[in-house]
Amino acid sequence: MVLDTTVLNNFLQAGCVELLQQMPTVAYVCPAVFAEIERGIRLGKVPSADLEWLPKATLSADEEALAAGLPPRLGAGEAESIAVAYSRNWWLATDDRDARRIAARLRITTTGTVGILVYCVNSRFVRLEQANEFLERMVSAGYRAPVSRLDEFVR
């Protein structure tokens, strides 16, 4: 799975980025996503966190070309993430509507912040009450979540 900036930022804002580390599916970030998060940390808009554990997906020349050819309305992080997900047949974790539309056209499987939180509850990494609290923190930090609670999505 490759994470775009919005998803990684949501987990950082809620103070639960370690959930991404605990998942059996490895979560990668592209160089542009890492740079965007580092810039946010320097500007004080993103909470500081140790992200050394987070593997970086270095783009091939073909992936760089694909990212460069995507619509300019996408941020660099979304474009690189789409290119990597497409070429490697990975899942794309994004909450960006444009990125999801383009991913659907490219037949890339997507998930987002809510999907990852539900997965973590169903996999017993976190209790439902705690995941709902994380979601609430994300919303308080500016995440426009499609739901207010995760209860109906958890088995």
N, C-alpha and C. Protein backbone atom coordinates (compact mmCIF):
# COMPACT_ATOMS: atom_id res chain seq x y z
N MET A 1 0.85 -1.17 0.00
CA MET A 1 0.00 0.00 0.00
C MET A 1 0.89 1.23 0.00
N VAL A 2 0.46 2.25 -0.71
CA VAL A 2 1.17 3.51 -0.71
C VAL A 2 0.22 4.59 -0.17
N LEU A 3 0.72 5.38 0.77
CA LEU A 3 -0.07 6.42 1.43
C LEU A 3 0.17 7.76 0.77
N ASP A 4 -0.89 8.52 0.56
CA ASP A 4 -0.67 9.89 0.11
C ASP A 4 -0.61 10.80 1.33
N THR A 5 -0.37 12.06 1.09
CA THR A 5 -0.14 13.01 2.17
C THR A 5 -1.36 13.15 3.08
N THR A 6 -2.56 13.19 2.51
CA THR A 6 -3.75 13.43 3.33
C THR A 6 -3.94 12.33 4.37
N VAL A 7 -3.76 11.09 3.95
CA VAL A 7 -3.95 9.97 4.87
C VAL A 7 -2.88 9.98 5.97
N LEU A 8 -1.63 10.12 5.58
CA LEU A 8 -0.55 10.14 6.57
C LEU A 8 -0.75 11.31 7.54
N ASN A 9 -1.11 12.47 7.02
CA ASN A 9 -1.34 13.63 7.86
C ASN A 9 -2.46 13.37 8.87
N ASN A 10 -3.54 12.73 8.45
CA ASN A 10 -4.65 12.45 9.38
C ASN A 10 -4.17 11.62 10.57
N PHE A 11 -3.37 10.59 10.30
CA PHE A 11 -2.88 9.75 11.39
C PHE A 11 -1.89 10.50 12.28
N LEU A 12 -1.11 11.39 11.69
CA LEU A 12 -0.20 12.21 12.49
C LEU A 12 -0.99 13.18 13.36
N GLN A 13 -2.00 13.82 12.80
CA GLN A 13 -2.82 14.79 13.54
C GLN A 13 -3.51 14.14 14.74
N ALA A 14 -3.91 12.90 14.57
CA ALA A 14 -4.63 12.20 15.65
C ALA A 14 -3.69 11.53 16.64
N GLY A 15 -2.39 11.57 16.37
CA GLY A 15 -1.43 10.95 17.28
C GLY A 15 -1.48 9.44 17.26
N CYS A 16 -1.84 8.86 16.12
CA CYS A 16 -1.96 7.40 16.05
C CYS A 16 -1.23 6.82 14.84
N VAL A 17 -0.16 7.47 14.43
CA VAL A 17 0.59 7.01 13.26
C VAL A 17 1.16 5.60 13.46
N GLU A 18 1.32 5.20 14.71
CA GLU A 18 1.86 3.86 14.98
C GLU A 18 0.92 2.76 14.47
N LEU A 19 -0.37 3.06 14.29
CA LEU A 19 -1.28 2.06 13.72
C LEU A 19 -0.83 1.65 12.32
N LEU A 20 -0.32 2.61 11.57
CA LEU A 20 0.17 2.32 10.22
C LEU A 20 1.37 1.38 10.26
N GLN A 21 2.15 1.51 11.31
CA GLN A 21 3.34 0.66 11.47
C GLN A 21 2.95 -0.75 11.88
N GLN A 22 1.85 -0.90 12.60
CA GLN A 22 1.43 -2.20 13.11
C GLN A 22 0.71 -3.07 12.08
N MET A 23 0.26 -2.47 11.00
CA MET A 23 -0.49 -3.23 10.00
C MET A 23 0.40 -4.28 9.33
N PRO A 24 -0.16 -5.45 9.04
CA PRO A 24 0.64 -6.45 8.33
C PRO A 24 0.95 -6.02 6.89
N THR A 25 0.10 -5.18 6.31
CA THR A 25 0.36 -4.62 4.99
C THR A 25 1.34 -3.47 5.18
N VAL A 26 2.45 -3.52 4.47
CA VAL A 26 3.46 -2.47 4.61
C VAL A 26 2.94 -1.20 3.94
N ALA A 27 3.04 -0.09 4.66
CA ALA A 27 2.62 1.21 4.15
C ALA A 27 3.86 1.98 3.72
N TYR A 28 3.92 2.32 2.44
CA TYR A 28 5.03 3.09 1.88
C TYR A 28 4.59 4.53 1.64
N VAL A 29 5.56 5.42 1.53
CA VAL A 29 5.30 6.78 1.08
C VAL A 29 6.28 7.12 -0.03
N CYS A 30 5.84 7.98 -0.91
CA CYS A 30 6.69 8.45 -2.01
C CYS A 30 7.49 9.66 -1.53
N PRO A 31 8.57 9.99 -2.23
CA PRO A 31 9.40 11.13 -1.82
C PRO A 31 8.62 12.44 -1.68
N ALA A 32 7.68 12.71 -2.59
CA ALA A 32 6.92 13.96 -2.50
C ALA A 32 6.04 13.99 -1.26
N VAL A 33 5.47 12.86 -0.89
CA VAL A 33 4.65 12.79 0.32
C VAL A 33 5.51 13.06 1.54
N PHE A 34 6.65 12.41 1.60
CA PHE A 34 7.56 12.62 2.73
C PHE A 34 7.97 14.09 2.81
N ALA A 35 8.28 14.70 1.67
CA ALA A 35 8.68 16.11 1.64
C ALA A 35 7.54 17.01 2.10
N GLU A 36 6.31 16.71 1.67
CA GLU A 36 5.16 17.51 2.08
C GLU A 36 4.93 17.42 3.59
N ILE A 37 5.07 16.23 4.14
CA ILE A 37 4.90 16.05 5.60
C ILE A 37 6.02 16.77 6.34
N GLU A 38 7.25 16.63 5.88
CA GLU A 38 8.37 17.32 6.54
C GLU A 38 8.17 18.84 6.50
N ARG A 39 7.69 19.36 5.38
CA ARG A 39 7.42 20.79 5.27
C ARG A 39 6.33 21.20 6.28
N GLY A 40 5.29 20.39 6.40
CA GLY A 40 4.22 20.66 7.37
C GLY A 40 4.73 20.66 8.80
N ILE A 41 5.65 19.74 9.10
CA ILE A 41 6.24 19.68 10.44
C ILE A 41 7.06 20.95 10.70
N ARG A 42 7.89 21.34 9.72
CA ARG A 42 8.71 22.56 9.87
C ARG A 42 7.85 23.80 10.07
N LEU A 43 6.70 23.85 9.41
CA LEU A 43 5.80 25.01 9.51
C LEU A 43 4.90 24.95 10.74
N GLY A 44 4.98 23.85 11.48
CA GLY A 44 4.16 23.70 12.68
C GLY A 44 2.72 23.31 12.40
N LYS A 45 2.41 22.86 11.19
CA LYS A 45 1.05 22.47 10.83
C LYS A 45 0.80 20.98 11.01
N VAL A 46 1.88 20.21 11.12
CA VAL A 46 1.80 18.77 11.30
C VAL A 46 2.60 18.42 12.55
N PRO A 47 2.02 17.62 13.45
CA PRO A 47 2.77 17.23 14.65
C PRO A 47 4.04 16.46 14.29
N SER A 48 5.09 16.75 15.00
CA SER A 48 6.35 16.06 14.79
C SER A 48 6.23 14.61 15.23
N ALA A 49 6.84 13.74 14.46
CA ALA A 49 6.83 12.31 14.80
C ALA A 49 8.02 11.64 14.15
N ASP A 50 8.45 10.55 14.75
CA ASP A 50 9.54 9.76 14.18
C ASP A 50 8.96 8.91 13.05
N LEU A 51 9.37 9.20 11.83
CA LEU A 51 8.87 8.46 10.67
C LEU A 51 9.97 7.65 9.99
N GLU A 52 11.05 7.42 10.71
CA GLU A 52 12.16 6.66 10.13
C GLU A 52 11.75 5.24 9.77
N TRP A 53 10.78 4.68 10.45
CA TRP A 53 10.30 3.33 10.18
C TRP A 53 9.52 3.23 8.87
N LEU A 54 9.06 4.38 8.38
CA LEU A 54 8.19 4.40 7.21
C LEU A 54 9.00 4.23 5.93
N PRO A 55 8.81 3.12 5.20
CA PRO A 55 9.62 2.90 4.00
C PRO A 55 9.25 3.87 2.88
N LYS A 56 10.28 4.32 2.15
CA LYS A 56 10.09 5.23 1.03
C LYS A 56 10.08 4.42 -0.27
N ALA A 57 9.14 4.73 -1.12
CA ALA A 57 9.04 4.09 -2.43
C ALA A 57 9.75 4.98 -3.44
N THR A 58 10.95 4.61 -3.81
CA THR A 58 11.70 5.37 -4.81
C THR A 58 11.09 5.11 -6.18
N LEU A 59 10.80 6.17 -6.91
CA LEU A 59 10.15 6.02 -8.20
C LEU A 59 11.14 5.63 -9.30
N SER A 60 10.69 4.74 -10.16
CA SER A 60 11.47 4.39 -11.36
C SER A 60 11.27 5.52 -12.37
N ALA A 61 12.01 5.49 -13.45
CA ALA A 61 11.86 6.49 -14.51
C ALA A 61 10.46 6.43 -15.11
N ASP A 62 9.92 5.24 -15.29
CA ASP A 62 8.57 5.09 -15.83
C ASP A 62 7.53 5.67 -14.87
N GLU A 63 7.73 5.43 -13.58
CA GLU A 63 6.80 5.98 -12.58
C GLU A 63 6.87 7.50 -12.54
N GLU A 64 8.07 8.05 -12.64
CA GLU A 64 8.22 9.50 -12.67
C GLU A 64 7.52 10.09 -13.90
N ALA A 65 7.65 9.42 -15.03
CA ALA A 65 6.99 9.89 -16.25
C ALA A 65 5.47 9.82 -16.11
N LEU A 66 4.97 8.74 -15.54
CA LEU A 66 3.53 8.61 -15.32
C LEU A 66 3.03 9.71 -14.39
N ALA A 67 3.74 9.93 -13.30
CA ALA A 67 3.34 10.98 -12.34
C ALA A 67 3.32 12.35 -13.01
N ALA A 68 4.32 12.62 -13.83
CA ALA A 68 4.41 13.91 -14.51
C ALA A 68 3.28 14.09 -15.52
N GLY A 69 2.76 13.00 -16.06
CA GLY A 69 1.69 13.07 -17.04
C GLY A 69 0.29 13.12 -16.46
N LEU A 70 0.17 13.01 -15.16
CA LEU A 70 -1.15 13.07 -14.52
C LEU A 70 -1.62 14.52 -14.45
N PRO A 71 -2.92 14.74 -14.30
CA PRO A 71 -3.45 16.11 -14.29
C PRO A 71 -2.75 16.99 -13.24
N PRO A 72 -2.44 18.23 -13.62
CA PRO A 72 -1.72 19.13 -12.70
C PRO A 72 -2.50 19.50 -11.43
N ARG A 73 -3.82 19.27 -11.43
CA ARG A 73 -4.61 19.60 -10.23
C ARG A 73 -4.25 18.68 -9.05
N LEU A 74 -3.63 17.53 -9.36
CA LEU A 74 -3.16 16.65 -8.29
C LEU A 74 -1.90 17.25 -7.68
N GLY A 75 -1.73 17.07 -6.40
CA GLY A 75 -0.48 17.45 -5.78
C GLY A 75 0.60 16.45 -6.16
N ALA A 76 1.84 16.83 -5.94
CA ALA A 76 2.96 15.94 -6.27
C ALA A 76 2.85 14.62 -5.51
N GLY A 77 2.44 14.68 -4.26
CA GLY A 77 2.30 13.47 -3.46
C GLY A 77 1.26 12.52 -4.01
N GLU A 78 0.11 13.06 -4.42
CA GLU A 78 -0.94 12.23 -5.00
C GLU A 78 -0.48 11.63 -6.33
N ALA A 79 0.15 12.46 -7.17
CA ALA A 79 0.61 11.98 -8.48
C ALA A 79 1.64 10.85 -8.33
N GLU A 80 2.62 11.06 -7.47
CA GLU A 80 3.62 10.00 -7.27
C GLU A 80 2.98 8.74 -6.70
N SER A 81 2.07 8.90 -5.76
CA SER A 81 1.42 7.75 -5.13
C SER A 81 0.60 6.96 -6.14
N ILE A 82 -0.11 7.66 -7.01
CA ILE A 82 -0.89 6.99 -8.05
C ILE A 82 0.04 6.23 -8.99
N ALA A 83 1.12 6.88 -9.41
CA ALA A 83 2.06 6.24 -10.33
C ALA A 83 2.64 4.96 -9.73
N VAL A 84 3.03 5.01 -8.47
CA VAL A 84 3.60 3.84 -7.80
C VAL A 84 2.55 2.75 -7.64
N ALA A 85 1.35 3.12 -7.19
CA ALA A 85 0.29 2.13 -7.01
C ALA A 85 -0.05 1.45 -8.34
N TYR A 86 -0.10 2.22 -9.39
CA TYR A 86 -0.43 1.68 -10.70
C TYR A 86 0.64 0.71 -11.20
N SER A 87 1.88 1.15 -11.18
CA SER A 87 2.93 0.33 -11.77
C SER A 87 3.28 -0.90 -10.94
N ARG A 88 3.06 -0.83 -9.64
CA ARG A 88 3.41 -1.96 -8.77
C ARG A 88 2.21 -2.79 -8.35
N ASN A 89 1.02 -2.39 -8.83
CA ASN A 89 -0.22 -3.07 -8.47
C ASN A 89 -0.44 -3.07 -6.95
N TRP A 90 -0.18 -1.92 -6.34
CA TRP A 90 -0.39 -1.73 -4.91
C TRP A 90 -1.71 -1.02 -4.68
N TRP A 91 -2.20 -1.10 -3.46
CA TRP A 91 -3.34 -0.31 -3.04
C TRP A 91 -2.88 1.14 -2.88
N LEU A 92 -3.79 2.06 -3.12
CA LEU A 92 -3.56 3.49 -2.91
C LEU A 92 -4.43 3.95 -1.76
N ALA A 93 -3.81 4.54 -0.73
CA ALA A 93 -4.55 5.09 0.40
C ALA A 93 -4.62 6.61 0.20
N THR A 94 -5.80 7.09 -0.14
CA THR A 94 -6.01 8.52 -0.37
C THR A 94 -7.42 8.91 0.02
N ASP A 95 -7.58 10.15 0.45
CA ASP A 95 -8.90 10.71 0.72
C ASP A 95 -9.22 11.80 -0.30
N ASP A 96 -8.32 12.00 -1.25
CA ASP A 96 -8.48 13.05 -2.25
C ASP A 96 -9.43 12.58 -3.36
N ARG A 97 -10.50 13.33 -3.59
CA ARG A 97 -11.52 12.94 -4.56
C ARG A 97 -10.93 12.80 -5.98
N ASP A 98 -10.14 13.78 -6.41
CA ASP A 98 -9.55 13.70 -7.75
C ASP A 98 -8.63 12.49 -7.87
N ALA A 99 -7.84 12.25 -6.84
CA ALA A 99 -6.93 11.10 -6.87
C ALA A 99 -7.72 9.80 -6.95
N ARG A 100 -8.82 9.70 -6.24
CA ARG A 100 -9.65 8.49 -6.28
C ARG A 100 -10.27 8.28 -7.66
N ARG A 101 -10.71 9.37 -8.28
CA ARG A 101 -11.30 9.26 -9.62
C ARG A 101 -10.27 8.76 -10.63
N ILE A 102 -9.09 9.33 -10.58
CA ILE A 102 -8.03 8.92 -11.50
C ILE A 102 -7.63 7.48 -11.22
N ALA A 103 -7.52 7.12 -9.95
CA ALA A 103 -7.19 5.74 -9.57
C ALA A 103 -8.24 4.77 -10.09
N ALA A 104 -9.51 5.15 -10.01
CA ALA A 104 -10.58 4.28 -10.51
C ALA A 104 -10.44 4.07 -12.02
N ARG A 105 -10.11 5.13 -12.74
CA ARG A 105 -9.91 4.99 -14.20
C ARG A 105 -8.74 4.06 -14.52
N LEU A 106 -7.73 4.07 -13.65
CA LEU A 106 -6.55 3.23 -13.84
C LEU A 106 -6.71 1.85 -13.20
N ARG A 107 -7.88 1.62 -12.60
CA ARG A 107 -8.20 0.35 -11.93
C ARG A 107 -7.25 0.04 -10.77
N ILE A 108 -6.94 1.10 -10.02
CA ILE A 108 -6.13 0.96 -8.80
C ILE A 108 -7.10 0.78 -7.63
N THR A 109 -6.85 -0.20 -6.80
CA THR A 109 -7.66 -0.39 -5.61
C THR A 109 -7.32 0.70 -4.61
N THR A 110 -8.36 1.32 -4.05
CA THR A 110 -8.15 2.42 -3.11
C THR A 110 -8.78 2.13 -1.76
N THR A 111 -8.24 2.80 -0.78
CA THR A 111 -8.82 2.88 0.55
C THR A 111 -8.50 4.28 1.03
N GLY A 112 -8.92 4.58 2.22
CA GLY A 112 -8.65 5.90 2.78
C GLY A 112 -8.50 5.83 4.28
N THR A 113 -8.54 6.95 4.91
CA THR A 113 -8.38 7.03 6.36
C THR A 113 -9.41 6.16 7.08
N VAL A 114 -10.67 6.30 6.70
CA VAL A 114 -11.73 5.53 7.36
C VAL A 114 -11.52 4.04 7.13
N GLY A 115 -11.18 3.65 5.92
CA GLY A 115 -10.93 2.24 5.62
C GLY A 115 -9.80 1.66 6.44
N ILE A 116 -8.76 2.43 6.62
CA ILE A 116 -7.62 1.95 7.42
C ILE A 116 -8.03 1.84 8.88
N LEU A 117 -8.77 2.80 9.39
CA LEU A 117 -9.22 2.72 10.79
C LEU A 117 -10.12 1.50 10.99
N VAL A 118 -11.03 1.25 10.06
CA VAL A 118 -11.91 0.08 10.16
C VAL A 118 -11.08 -1.20 10.12
N TYR A 119 -10.11 -1.26 9.23
CA TYR A 119 -9.22 -2.41 9.15
C TYR A 119 -8.51 -2.64 10.49
N CYS A 120 -8.02 -1.57 11.10
CA CYS A 120 -7.31 -1.69 12.38
C CYS A 120 -8.22 -2.21 13.48
N VAL A 121 -9.48 -1.79 13.48
CA VAL A 121 -10.43 -2.30 14.47
C VAL A 121 -10.72 -3.77 14.20
N ASN A 122 -11.02 -4.09 12.94
CA ASN A 122 -11.34 -5.49 12.60
C ASN A 122 -10.16 -6.42 12.84
N SER A 123 -8.95 -5.90 12.74
CA SER A 123 -7.74 -6.70 12.99
C SER A 123 -7.32 -6.67 14.45
N ARG A 124 -8.08 -5.97 15.26
CA ARG A 124 -7.87 -5.89 16.71
C ARG A 124 -6.58 -5.17 17.11
N PHE A 125 -6.13 -4.23 16.27
CA PHE A 125 -4.99 -3.37 16.65
C PHE A 125 -5.45 -2.27 17.60
N VAL A 126 -6.74 -1.96 17.51
CA VAL A 126 -7.30 -0.87 18.30
C VAL A 126 -8.78 -1.18 18.55
N ARG A 127 -9.27 -0.74 19.69
CA ARG A 127 -10.69 -0.92 20.01
C ARG A 127 -11.52 0.10 19.23
N LEU A 128 -12.78 -0.24 18.99
CA LEU A 128 -13.68 0.64 18.25
C LEU A 128 -13.77 2.01 18.90
N GLU A 129 -13.90 2.04 20.23
CA GLU A 129 -14.02 3.33 20.92
C GLU A 129 -12.80 4.21 20.68
N GLN A 130 -11.64 3.59 20.70
CA GLN A 130 -10.40 4.34 20.49
C GLN A 130 -10.30 4.82 19.04
N ALA A 131 -10.69 3.98 18.09
CA ALA A 131 -10.67 4.37 16.67
C ALA A 131 -11.63 5.53 16.42
N ASN A 132 -12.80 5.49 17.06
CA ASN A 132 -13.74 6.61 16.94
C ASN A 132 -13.14 7.89 17.53
N GLU A 133 -12.39 7.75 18.60
CA GLU A 133 -11.71 8.90 19.19
C GLU A 133 -10.65 9.45 18.24
N PHE A 134 -9.89 8.56 17.60
CA PHE A 134 -8.90 9.00 16.61
C PHE A 134 -9.59 9.74 15.46
N LEU A 135 -10.71 9.19 15.00
CA LEU A 135 -11.46 9.83 13.92
C LEU A 135 -11.93 11.22 14.35
N GLU A 136 -12.40 11.33 15.56
CA GLU A 136 -12.85 12.62 16.09
C GLU A 136 -11.69 13.63 16.13
N ARG A 137 -10.51 13.16 16.56
CA ARG A 137 -9.33 14.05 16.57
C ARG A 137 -8.96 14.50 15.15
N MET A 138 -9.05 13.57 14.20
CA MET A 138 -8.75 13.91 12.81
C MET A 138 -9.70 14.98 12.30
N VAL A 139 -10.98 14.81 12.60
CA VAL A 139 -11.98 15.78 12.18
C VAL A 139 -11.72 17.14 12.83
N SER A 140 -11.37 17.13 14.11
CA SER A 140 -11.05 18.37 14.82
C SER A 140 -9.85 19.09 14.20
N ALA A 141 -8.95 18.31 13.58
CA ALA A 141 -7.76 18.88 12.96
C ALA A 141 -8.01 19.29 11.50
N GLY A 142 -9.25 19.05 11.00
CA GLY A 142 -9.57 19.51 9.66
C GLY A 142 -9.95 18.44 8.65
N TYR A 143 -9.90 17.17 9.04
CA TYR A 143 -10.27 16.09 8.12
C TYR A 143 -11.78 16.13 7.87
N ARG A 144 -12.17 16.17 6.61
CA ARG A 144 -13.59 16.14 6.25
C ARG A 144 -13.99 14.68 6.03
N ALA A 145 -14.27 14.02 7.12
CA ALA A 145 -14.58 12.59 7.09
C ALA A 145 -15.96 12.35 6.48
N PRO A 146 -16.11 11.27 5.75
CA PRO A 146 -17.42 10.94 5.18
C PRO A 146 -18.39 10.37 6.22
N VAL A 147 -17.88 10.05 7.41
CA VAL A 147 -18.71 9.50 8.49
C VAL A 147 -18.28 10.16 9.80
N SER A 148 -19.18 10.11 10.78
CA SER A 148 -18.81 10.66 12.09
C SER A 148 -18.37 9.58 13.07
N ARG A 149 -18.76 8.33 12.77
CA ARG A 149 -18.37 7.19 13.61
C ARG A 149 -18.12 5.99 12.72
N LEU A 150 -17.39 5.01 13.24
CA LEU A 150 -17.01 3.83 12.48
C LEU A 150 -17.89 2.62 12.77
N ASP A 151 -18.78 2.74 13.73
CA ASP A 151 -19.54 1.60 14.25
C ASP A 151 -20.19 0.73 13.17
N GLU A 152 -20.84 1.34 12.18
CA GLU A 152 -21.58 0.55 11.19
C GLU A 152 -20.67 -0.20 10.21
N PHE A 153 -19.38 0.11 10.21
CA PHE A 153 -18.45 -0.52 9.27
C PHE A 153 -17.65 -1.65 9.90
N VAL A 154 -17.74 -1.78 11.20
CA VAL A 154 -16.94 -2.77 11.93
C VAL A 154 -17.73 -4.05 12.09
N ARG A 155 -17.04 -5.16 11.86
CA ARG A 155 -17.74 -6.45 12.03
C ARG A 155 -17.70 -6.91 13.45
